[in-house]
Amino acid sequence: MLSNIRIVLINTFHPGNIGAIARAMKNMGLSNLYLVDPNDYPSEEATSRAAGAVDLLENATIVNTLEEAIDDCSLVIGTSARHRTFQLPIMNARECAETVIPEAKEHNIAILFGRETMGLLNEEIAQCHRQVYIDANDEYPVLNISQAVQIVSYEIWMAHQNEQTHEKTVPEYPRKKEMDLFYEHLEETLYGINFVVRNHPGKVLDKLKRFFNRSRPEKQELGILRGVLAAVDREAGLNDGQSHAVKKAKEEQTPE
């Protein structure tokens, strides 16, 4: 279960923080570390700070983009102390852990941590389903990134212990890359029926993505939505010259 939970660090500047985070993760039973475009890594300082958790560094997955780190995840949670304009459901660290543990039985989960100086960018938060914050003193709520990972990891560990006696059934959710395929299909269909003007799309597509990320359709529900789009394409005569995403969405359509 815990191995399905990945800690994703984006563009981490200080290698010592990467080592400290590996140690914090191993303290709490987490082992799946992803590094997105780290500034300075591999590093002797990271190895030194990791202490007995060097194995996490050796097995860390290093990728160039956030998309590579979360494509196969069904739940993506961004950490941020700031209120964002995307209106994602917001949880504290304990609520986050209680959400993550039941889903991690069957799905890959990603928890994102941004840069030391500015955190996650808006476009990165926009790829998340949920946002998590850590309660702290309003007069000084600033946490070092390794401290933030330690707190979130601790809550996950505690929720994992409690889960042993409180089983919870979780629906099957699509992976992020399946949602991205749906978004491509939706975009092509809306352009095709002139609901959205290709040269002047405005914010409609962004708002629709935000809506679906927030509502998190189950896998079967996504199949129904794909079926709806396929029917619209067919009735509107959009079958010729379809993008690969549209064709693939129809091929993978789940029957109602």
Protein backbone atom coordinates (compact mmCIF):
# COMPACT_ATOMS: atom_id res chain seq x y z
CA MET A 1 0.00 0.00 0.00
CA LEU A 2 2.63 2.56 1.02
CA SER A 3 4.74 1.74 -2.02
CA ASN A 4 1.94 3.12 -4.23
CA ILE A 5 2.35 6.55 -2.64
CA ARG A 6 5.01 8.64 -4.33
CA ILE A 7 6.54 11.85 -3.05
CA VAL A 8 7.25 14.11 -6.02
CA LEU A 9 9.78 16.93 -5.61
CA ILE A 10 9.73 19.56 -8.35
CA ASN A 11 12.89 21.44 -9.30
CA THR A 12 14.38 21.13 -5.80
CA PHE A 13 17.25 23.61 -5.49
CA HIS A 14 19.24 22.39 -2.48
CA PRO A 15 20.49 18.78 -2.68
CA GLY A 16 20.65 18.56 1.12
CA ASN A 17 16.86 18.86 1.18
CA ILE A 18 16.56 15.82 -1.09
CA GLY A 19 18.65 13.77 1.34
CA ALA A 20 16.68 15.00 4.35
CA ILE A 21 13.40 14.17 2.59
CA ALA A 22 14.59 10.63 1.82
CA ARG A 23 15.32 10.17 5.52
CA ALA A 24 11.93 11.62 6.52
CA MET A 25 10.16 9.28 4.10
CA LYS A 26 11.95 6.16 5.30
CA ASN A 27 11.12 7.06 8.92
CA MET A 28 7.45 6.75 7.97
CA GLY A 29 7.54 3.72 5.69
CA LEU A 30 7.51 5.57 2.36
CA SER A 31 10.00 4.58 -0.33
CA ASN A 32 8.77 5.96 -3.65
CA LEU A 33 10.66 9.18 -4.42
CA TYR A 34 10.34 11.07 -7.71
CA LEU A 35 12.59 14.00 -8.62
CA VAL A 36 11.40 16.34 -11.35
CA ASP A 37 14.26 18.29 -12.91
CA PRO A 38 16.33 18.65 -9.69
CA ASN A 39 18.78 21.54 -9.70
CA ASP A 40 21.79 19.63 -8.34
CA TYR A 41 21.57 15.84 -8.26
CA PRO A 42 23.18 13.33 -7.72
CA SER A 43 25.06 15.01 -4.91
CA GLU A 44 27.35 14.00 -2.06
CA GLU A 45 25.46 16.37 0.21
CA ALA A 46 22.18 14.62 -0.55
CA THR A 47 23.79 11.27 0.25
CA SER A 48 25.24 12.61 3.49
CA ARG A 49 21.91 14.07 4.67
CA ALA A 50 20.04 10.89 3.81
CA ALA A 51 21.95 8.92 6.50
CA GLY A 52 20.36 5.46 6.57
CA ALA A 53 17.98 6.22 3.70
CA VAL A 54 20.54 6.21 0.87
CA ASP A 55 18.63 3.33 -0.71
CA LEU A 56 15.73 5.72 -1.41
CA LEU A 57 18.10 8.00 -3.28
CA GLU A 58 19.57 5.12 -5.23
CA ASN A 59 16.11 3.98 -6.27
CA ALA A 60 14.66 7.46 -6.88
CA THR A 61 13.03 8.08 -10.26
CA ILE A 62 14.40 11.17 -12.01
CA VAL A 63 12.27 12.73 -14.77
CA ASN A 64 12.32 15.96 -16.75
CA THR A 65 8.66 16.93 -16.48
CA LEU A 66 5.83 16.71 -13.98
CA GLU A 67 3.70 14.88 -16.55
CA GLU A 68 6.19 12.00 -16.58
CA ALA A 69 5.96 11.75 -12.79
CA ILE A 70 2.16 11.57 -12.52
CA ASP A 71 0.85 10.06 -15.78
CA ASP A 72 -0.03 6.73 -14.17
CA CYS A 73 -1.54 8.22 -10.99
CA SER A 74 -5.26 8.30 -10.26
CA LEU A 75 -4.97 10.89 -7.48
CA VAL A 76 -2.59 13.86 -7.53
CA ILE A 77 -2.36 16.14 -4.50
CA GLY A 78 -0.46 19.42 -4.47
CA THR A 79 0.93 20.92 -1.27
CA SER A 80 0.51 24.66 -0.88
CA ALA A 81 0.04 27.10 1.96
CA ARG A 82 -1.53 29.65 -0.38
CA HIS A 83 -5.13 29.90 -1.47
CA ARG A 84 -5.27 29.37 -5.23
CA THR A 85 -7.77 30.48 -7.84
CA PHE A 86 -8.40 26.92 -9.02
CA GLN A 87 -10.87 26.15 -6.24
CA LEU A 88 -9.67 22.61 -5.65
CA PRO A 89 -10.96 20.79 -2.57
CA ILE A 90 -8.53 21.67 0.23
CA MET A 91 -7.44 19.29 3.00
CA ASN A 92 -5.12 19.54 5.96
CA ALA A 93 -2.34 16.97 6.31
CA ARG A 94 -4.41 14.57 8.41
CA GLU A 95 -7.37 14.67 6.03
CA CYS A 96 -4.96 14.14 3.16
CA ALA A 97 -3.58 10.98 4.76
CA GLU A 98 -7.05 9.62 5.49
CA THR A 99 -7.93 10.14 1.82
CA VAL A 100 -4.71 8.68 0.45
CA ILE A 101 -4.42 5.44 2.42
CA PRO A 102 -7.62 3.68 1.21
CA GLU A 103 -6.93 4.63 -2.43
CA ALA A 104 -3.31 3.51 -2.29
CA LYS A 105 -4.44 -0.12 -2.03
CA GLU A 106 -5.23 -0.19 -5.75
CA HIS A 107 -3.98 3.08 -7.25
CA ASN A 108 -0.82 5.11 -7.62
CA ILE A 109 -0.98 8.35 -5.63
CA ALA A 110 1.31 11.38 -6.05
CA ILE A 111 1.87 14.12 -3.49
CA LEU A 112 3.65 17.11 -5.02
CA PHE A 113 6.08 19.44 -3.27
CA GLY A 114 7.32 22.54 -5.07
CA ARG A 115 10.44 24.65 -5.04
CA GLU A 116 11.93 25.85 -1.76
CA THR A 117 11.41 29.53 -2.62
CA MET A 118 8.05 29.60 -4.40
CA GLY A 119 6.37 26.23 -4.03
CA LEU A 120 4.19 24.89 -6.84
CA LEU A 121 3.36 26.99 -9.88
CA ASN A 122 -0.27 27.59 -10.76
CA GLU A 123 -0.01 25.38 -13.84
CA GLU A 124 1.28 22.55 -11.62
CA ILE A 125 -1.54 22.95 -9.10
CA ALA A 126 -3.93 22.90 -12.07
CA GLN A 127 -2.91 19.27 -12.73
CA CYS A 128 -3.94 18.21 -9.22
CA HIS A 129 -7.22 16.81 -7.92
CA ARG A 130 -6.77 18.12 -4.37
CA GLN A 131 -4.69 20.63 -2.43
CA VAL A 132 -3.17 19.97 1.00
CA TYR A 133 -1.87 22.46 3.54
CA ILE A 134 -0.17 22.10 6.92
CA ASP A 135 -1.66 23.90 9.91
CA ALA A 136 0.90 26.28 11.43
CA ASN A 137 1.25 29.46 13.45
CA ASP A 138 -0.27 32.32 11.41
CA GLU A 139 2.54 34.61 12.53
CA TYR A 140 5.17 32.31 11.01
CA PRO A 141 3.71 29.47 8.91
CA VAL A 142 6.83 28.90 6.78
CA LEU A 143 8.16 25.33 6.82
CA ASN A 144 11.32 23.91 5.31
CA ILE A 145 10.39 21.48 2.53
CA SER A 146 11.85 18.50 4.40
CA GLN A 147 9.77 19.45 7.45
CA ALA A 148 6.66 19.58 5.29
CA VAL A 149 7.38 16.14 3.84
CA GLN A 150 8.02 14.78 7.35
CA ILE A 151 4.66 16.02 8.64
CA VAL A 152 2.67 14.71 5.67
CA SER A 153 4.55 11.38 5.82
CA TYR A 154 3.86 11.06 9.55
CA GLU A 155 0.12 11.54 9.01
CA ILE A 156 0.20 8.94 6.23
CA TRP A 157 1.96 6.49 8.54
CA MET A 158 -0.59 7.03 11.31
CA ALA A 159 -3.51 6.67 8.89
CA HIS A 160 -1.88 3.48 7.59
CA GLN A 161 -1.79 2.05 11.13
CA ASN A 162 -5.46 2.92 11.68
CA GLU A 163 -6.46 1.44 8.34
CA GLN A 164 -5.58 -2.03 9.57
CA THR A 165 -8.80 -2.06 11.60
CA HIS A 166 -11.00 0.21 9.45
CA GLU A 167 -11.37 -1.17 5.94
CA LYS A 168 -12.83 1.17 3.33
CA THR A 169 -14.00 0.39 -0.21
CA VAL A 170 -12.72 2.82 -2.84
CA PRO A 171 -14.08 3.18 -6.41
CA GLU A 172 -11.82 2.57 -9.39
CA TYR A 173 -10.55 5.86 -10.76
CA PRO A 174 -8.86 6.55 -14.12
CA ARG A 175 -5.17 7.36 -14.27
CA LYS A 176 -4.09 10.87 -15.15
CA LYS A 177 -3.05 9.90 -18.68
CA GLU A 178 -6.55 8.51 -19.25
CA MET A 179 -8.02 11.81 -18.10
CA ASP A 180 -5.63 13.65 -20.42
CA LEU A 181 -6.87 11.52 -23.31
CA PHE A 182 -10.44 12.44 -22.39
CA TYR A 183 -9.51 16.13 -22.28
CA GLU A 184 -8.00 15.92 -25.76
CA HIS A 185 -11.16 14.23 -27.05
CA LEU A 186 -13.37 16.83 -25.33
CA GLU A 187 -11.31 19.67 -26.80
CA GLU A 188 -11.50 18.26 -30.36
CA THR A 189 -15.26 17.73 -30.06
CA LEU A 190 -15.94 21.23 -28.73
CA TYR A 191 -13.88 22.70 -31.54
CA GLY A 192 -15.63 20.46 -34.06
CA ILE A 193 -19.14 21.59 -33.07
CA ASN A 194 -17.97 25.23 -32.76
CA PHE A 195 -18.84 25.40 -29.08
CA VAL A 196 -15.29 26.71 -28.61
CA VAL A 197 -13.61 28.83 -31.28
CA ARG A 198 -10.19 27.36 -32.03
CA ASN A 199 -8.47 30.72 -32.55
CA HIS A 200 -10.10 32.28 -29.48
CA PRO A 201 -10.75 29.47 -26.98
CA GLY A 202 -10.91 31.72 -23.91
CA LYS A 203 -11.03 29.97 -20.54
CA VAL A 204 -13.75 27.40 -21.24
CA LEU A 205 -11.41 24.41 -21.61
CA ASP A 206 -9.41 25.35 -18.51
CA LYS A 207 -12.62 25.64 -16.49
CA LEU A 208 -13.88 22.29 -17.73
CA LYS A 209 -10.59 20.60 -16.80
CA ARG A 210 -10.79 22.18 -13.37
CA PHE A 211 -14.35 20.92 -12.97
CA PHE A 212 -13.48 17.32 -13.88
CA ASN A 213 -10.32 17.34 -11.73
CA ARG A 214 -12.37 18.56 -8.81
CA SER A 215 -15.23 16.10 -9.30
CA ARG A 216 -12.98 13.08 -10.14
CA PRO A 217 -15.24 10.86 -12.27
CA GLU A 218 -14.85 7.16 -11.62
CA LYS A 219 -13.44 4.97 -14.41
CA GLN A 220 -16.86 3.72 -15.48
CA GLU A 221 -18.24 7.27 -15.44
CA LEU A 222 -15.36 8.40 -17.62
CA GLY A 223 -16.25 5.64 -20.07
CA ILE A 224 -19.80 7.01 -20.25
CA LEU A 225 -18.47 10.52 -20.88
CA ARG A 226 -16.28 9.18 -23.67
CA GLY A 227 -19.34 7.46 -25.13
CA VAL A 228 -21.25 10.75 -25.05
CA LEU A 229 -18.43 12.50 -26.92
CA ALA A 230 -18.26 9.68 -29.47
CA ALA A 231 -22.02 10.00 -30.09
CA VAL A 232 -21.69 13.78 -30.51
CA ASP A 233 -18.83 13.25 -32.97
CA ARG A 234 -20.91 10.77 -34.93
CA GLU A 235 -24.03 12.91 -35.08
CA ALA A 236 -22.04 16.01 -35.98
CA GLY A 237 -20.18 14.19 -38.75
CA LEU A 238 -16.77 14.59 -37.10
CA ASN A 239 -15.54 11.07 -37.84
CA ASP A 240 -13.12 12.08 -40.60
CA GLY A 241 -9.67 13.36 -39.71
CA GLN A 242 -9.98 12.68 -36.04
CA SER A 243 -6.99 13.08 -33.78
CA HIS A 244 -5.28 10.04 -32.32
CA ALA A 245 -6.71 10.99 -28.91
CA VAL A 246 -10.30 10.89 -30.20
CA LYS A 247 -9.84 7.52 -31.91
CA LYS A 248 -8.10 6.04 -28.88
CA ALA A 249 -10.84 7.32 -26.56
CA LYS A 250 -13.47 5.54 -28.66
CA GLU A 251 -11.46 2.32 -28.76
CA GLU A 252 -11.15 2.32 -24.96
CA GLN A 253 -14.74 3.37 -24.34
CA THR A 254 -16.29 1.46 -21.42
CA PRO A 255 -19.82 0.16 -22.13
CA GLU A 256 -22.54 1.58 -19.93
